[in-house]
C-alpha atoms as a PDB file:
ATOM      1  CA  MET A   1     -11.952 -65.379  18.499  1.00  0.00           C
ATOM      2  CA  GLY A   2     -14.780 -66.637  19.445  1.00  0.00           C
ATOM      3  CA  GLU A   3     -16.663 -69.635  17.927  1.00  0.00           C
ATOM      4  CA  THR A   4     -18.689 -68.869  14.501  1.00  0.00           C
ATOM      5  CA  THR A   5     -22.156 -68.552  15.296  1.00  0.00           C
ATOM      6  CA  ILE A   6     -24.348 -70.022  12.787  1.00  0.00           C
ATOM      7  CA  LYS A   7     -27.104 -67.520  10.736  1.00  0.00           C
ATOM      8  CA  THR A   8     -29.899 -70.089  10.007  1.00  0.00           C
ATOM      9  CA  ILE A   9     -33.087 -69.286   7.374  1.00  0.00           C
ATOM     10  CA  SER A  10     -36.513 -69.860   7.335  1.00  0.00           C
ATOM     11  CA  VAL A  11     -37.127 -71.629   3.047  1.00  0.00           C
ATOM     12  CA  ALA A  12     -40.765 -69.430   4.067  1.00  0.00           C
ATOM     13  CA  ALA A  13     -37.279 -66.134   4.608  1.00  0.00           C
ATOM     14  CA  ALA A  14     -35.530 -67.032   2.185  1.00  0.00           C
ATOM     15  CA  LYS A  15     -38.059 -67.959  -0.712  1.00  0.00           C
ATOM     16  CA  GLU A  16     -39.461 -64.070   0.308  1.00  0.00           C
ATOM     17  CA  LYS A  17     -34.827 -63.398  -0.675  1.00  0.00           C
ATOM     18  CA  LEU A  18     -35.262 -64.526  -3.771  1.00  0.00           C
ATOM     19  CA  THR A  19     -38.671 -62.729  -4.607  1.00  0.00           C
ATOM     20  CA  GLU A  20     -36.875 -59.725  -3.835  1.00  0.00           C
ATOM     21  CA  ASN A  21     -33.480 -60.886  -5.478  1.00  0.00           C
ATOM     22  CA  THR A  22     -31.911 -59.500  -1.913  1.00  0.00           C
ATOM     23  CA  ALA A  23     -29.066 -63.483  -1.897  1.00  0.00           C
ATOM     24  CA  VAL A  24     -26.595 -65.288  -3.526  1.00  0.00           C
ATOM     25  CA  PHE A  25     -28.121 -69.047  -3.147  1.00  0.00           C
ATOM     26  CA  ILE A  26     -25.300 -71.560  -3.195  1.00  0.00           C
ATOM     27  CA  ASP A  27     -26.771 -74.797  -3.103  1.00  0.00           C
ATOM     28  CA  ILE A  28     -23.579 -77.045  -1.957  1.00  0.00           C
ATOM     29  CA  ARG A  29     -25.791 -80.051  -2.682  1.00  0.00           C
ATOM     30  CA  ASP A  30     -23.916 -82.436  -4.920  1.00  0.00           C
ATOM     31  CA  PRO A  31     -23.878 -81.759  -9.264  1.00  0.00           C
ATOM     32  CA  ASP A  32     -26.784 -84.285 -10.268  1.00  0.00           C
ATOM     33  CA  SER A  33     -29.099 -83.641  -7.391  1.00  0.00           C
ATOM     34  CA  TYR A  34     -28.669 -79.757  -8.201  1.00  0.00           C
ATOM     35  CA  GLU A  35     -28.687 -80.590 -12.244  1.00  0.00           C
ATOM     36  CA  ALA A  36     -31.720 -81.989 -11.521  1.00  0.00           C
ATOM     37  CA  ALA A  37     -33.520 -79.215  -9.720  1.00  0.00           C
ATOM     38  CA  HIS A  38     -32.332 -76.548  -7.794  1.00  0.00           C
ATOM     39  CA  ILE A  39     -33.829 -72.826  -6.686  1.00  0.00           C
ATOM     40  CA  PRO A  40     -33.366 -70.593  -9.704  1.00  0.00           C
ATOM     41  CA  GLY A  41     -30.173 -68.445 -10.358  1.00  0.00           C
ATOM     42  CA  ALA A  42     -28.645 -70.716  -7.426  1.00  0.00           C
ATOM     43  CA  ILE A  43     -25.337 -71.425  -7.926  1.00  0.00           C
ATOM     44  CA  GLN A  44     -23.446 -74.520  -7.341  1.00  0.00           C
ATOM     45  CA  LEU A  45     -19.571 -75.546  -5.435  1.00  0.00           C
ATOM     46  CA  ASN A  46     -17.414 -78.168  -4.999  1.00  0.00           C
ATOM     47  CA  ASP A  47     -14.925 -78.817  -4.248  1.00  0.00           C
ATOM     48  CA  SER A  48     -13.178 -78.536  -7.522  1.00  0.00           C
ATOM     49  CA  ASN A  49     -14.540 -74.364  -7.921  1.00  0.00           C
ATOM     50  CA  VAL A  50     -15.441 -73.177  -4.515  1.00  0.00           C
ATOM     51  CA  GLU A  51     -11.835 -71.197  -4.363  1.00  0.00           C
ATOM     52  CA  SER A  52     -12.300 -69.571  -7.474  1.00  0.00           C
ATOM     53  CA  PHE A  53     -15.629 -67.691  -6.314  1.00  0.00           C
ATOM     54  CA  LEU A  54     -15.242 -66.951  -3.056  1.00  0.00           C
ATOM     55  CA  ALA A  55     -11.940 -64.736  -4.263  1.00  0.00           C
ATOM     56  CA  ALA A  56     -14.795 -63.104  -7.287  1.00  0.00           C
ATOM     57  CA  ALA A  57     -17.688 -63.112  -4.919  1.00  0.00           C
ATOM     58  CA  ASP A  58     -19.172 -59.602  -2.993  1.00  0.00           C
ATOM     59  CA  LYS A  59     -18.383 -61.034   0.536  1.00  0.00           C
ATOM     60  CA  THR A  60     -21.343 -58.062   1.171  1.00  0.00           C
ATOM     61  CA  GLN A  61     -24.493 -59.336  -0.247  1.00  0.00           C
ATOM     62  CA  VAL A  62     -26.845 -62.350   1.632  1.00  0.00           C
ATOM     63  CA  HIS A  63     -25.532 -65.524   1.198  1.00  0.00           C
ATOM     64  CA  ILE A  64     -28.482 -68.310   1.298  1.00  0.00           C
ATOM     65  CA  ILE A  65     -26.341 -72.069   1.959  1.00  0.00           C
ATOM     66  CA  TYR A  66     -27.476 -74.769   1.515  1.00  0.00           C
ATOM     67  CA  CYS A  67     -27.392 -79.009   0.553  1.00  0.00           C
ATOM     68  CA  TYR A  68     -30.007 -81.539   1.695  1.00  0.00           C
ATOM     69  CA  HIS A  69     -31.299 -81.467   4.680  1.00  0.00           C
ATOM     70  CA  GLY A  70     -30.516 -78.209   6.506  1.00  0.00           C
ATOM     71  CA  ASN A  71     -27.239 -79.806   7.925  1.00  0.00           C
ATOM     72  CA  THR A  72     -24.045 -79.909   6.247  1.00  0.00           C
ATOM     73  CA  SER A  73     -25.396 -76.467   4.593  1.00  0.00           C
ATOM     74  CA  GLN A  74     -24.129 -75.493   8.526  1.00  0.00           C
ATOM     75  CA  SER A  75     -20.978 -76.619   7.542  1.00  0.00           C
ATOM     76  CA  GLY A  76     -20.271 -74.724   4.444  1.00  0.00           C
ATOM     77  CA  ALA A  77     -21.807 -71.261   6.132  1.00  0.00           C
ATOM     78  CA  ALA A  78     -19.410 -71.549   8.717  1.00  0.00           C
ATOM     79  CA  TYR A  79     -17.007 -72.416   5.673  1.00  0.00           C
ATOM     80  CA  PHE A  80     -18.294 -68.732   3.879  1.00  0.00           C
ATOM     81  CA  GLN A  81     -17.955 -66.476   7.818  1.00  0.00           C
ATOM     82  CA  GLU A  82     -13.930 -67.957   8.438  1.00  0.00           C
ATOM     83  CA  ASN A  83     -14.191 -66.178   4.579  1.00  0.00           C
ATOM     84  CA  GLY A  84     -14.829 -63.313   5.178  1.00  0.00           C
ATOM     85  CA  PHE A  85     -18.654 -63.281   4.408  1.00  0.00           C
ATOM     86  CA  GLU A  86     -20.312 -60.934   6.152  1.00  0.00           C
ATOM     87  CA  ASP A  87     -24.092 -61.803   6.177  1.00  0.00           C
ATOM     88  CA  VAL A  88     -23.994 -66.191   5.616  1.00  0.00           C
ATOM     89  CA  TYR A  89     -27.186 -68.051   6.291  1.00  0.00           C
ATOM     90  CA  SER A  90     -27.977 -72.155   6.551  1.00  0.00           C
ATOM     91  CA  MET A  91     -31.196 -72.889   5.292  1.00  0.00           C
ATOM     92  CA  ASP A  92     -33.643 -74.780   7.971  1.00  0.00           C
ATOM     93  CA  GLY A  93     -34.686 -78.339   6.097  1.00  0.00           C
ATOM     94  CA  GLY A  94     -32.989 -77.202   2.716  1.00  0.00           C
ATOM     95  CA  PHE A  95     -33.545 -78.888  -0.366  1.00  0.00           C
ATOM     96  CA  THR A  96     -35.781 -80.899   0.719  1.00  0.00           C
ATOM     97  CA  GLU A  97     -37.670 -79.089   2.465  1.00  0.00           C
ATOM     98  CA  TRP A  98     -37.626 -75.307   0.156  1.00  0.00           C
ATOM     99  CA  GLU A  99     -39.565 -78.020  -2.424  1.00  0.00           C
ATOM    100  CA  GLU A 100     -42.706 -79.475   0.115  1.00  0.00           C
END
């Protein structure tokens, strides 16, 4: 296996996927930030619930991982790919850009 290539998606394209309801949004920010504001329908994942999510999720669906600025979500997307998810994106700019 070579190096994992992380696919990225722009905020504009991610918003389109949300409108079309064609992606699962994963928020990997801290729970307090998620509680304060998040993308509608997004699932907040952290160390305590990620394993159960990975076990139960439909790995063929599009998953968009986001964090604050789009950096941590890249390693999150890589982790999802390593766990057999077929169509995973890191959202460029993160939630900060989403809110602009």
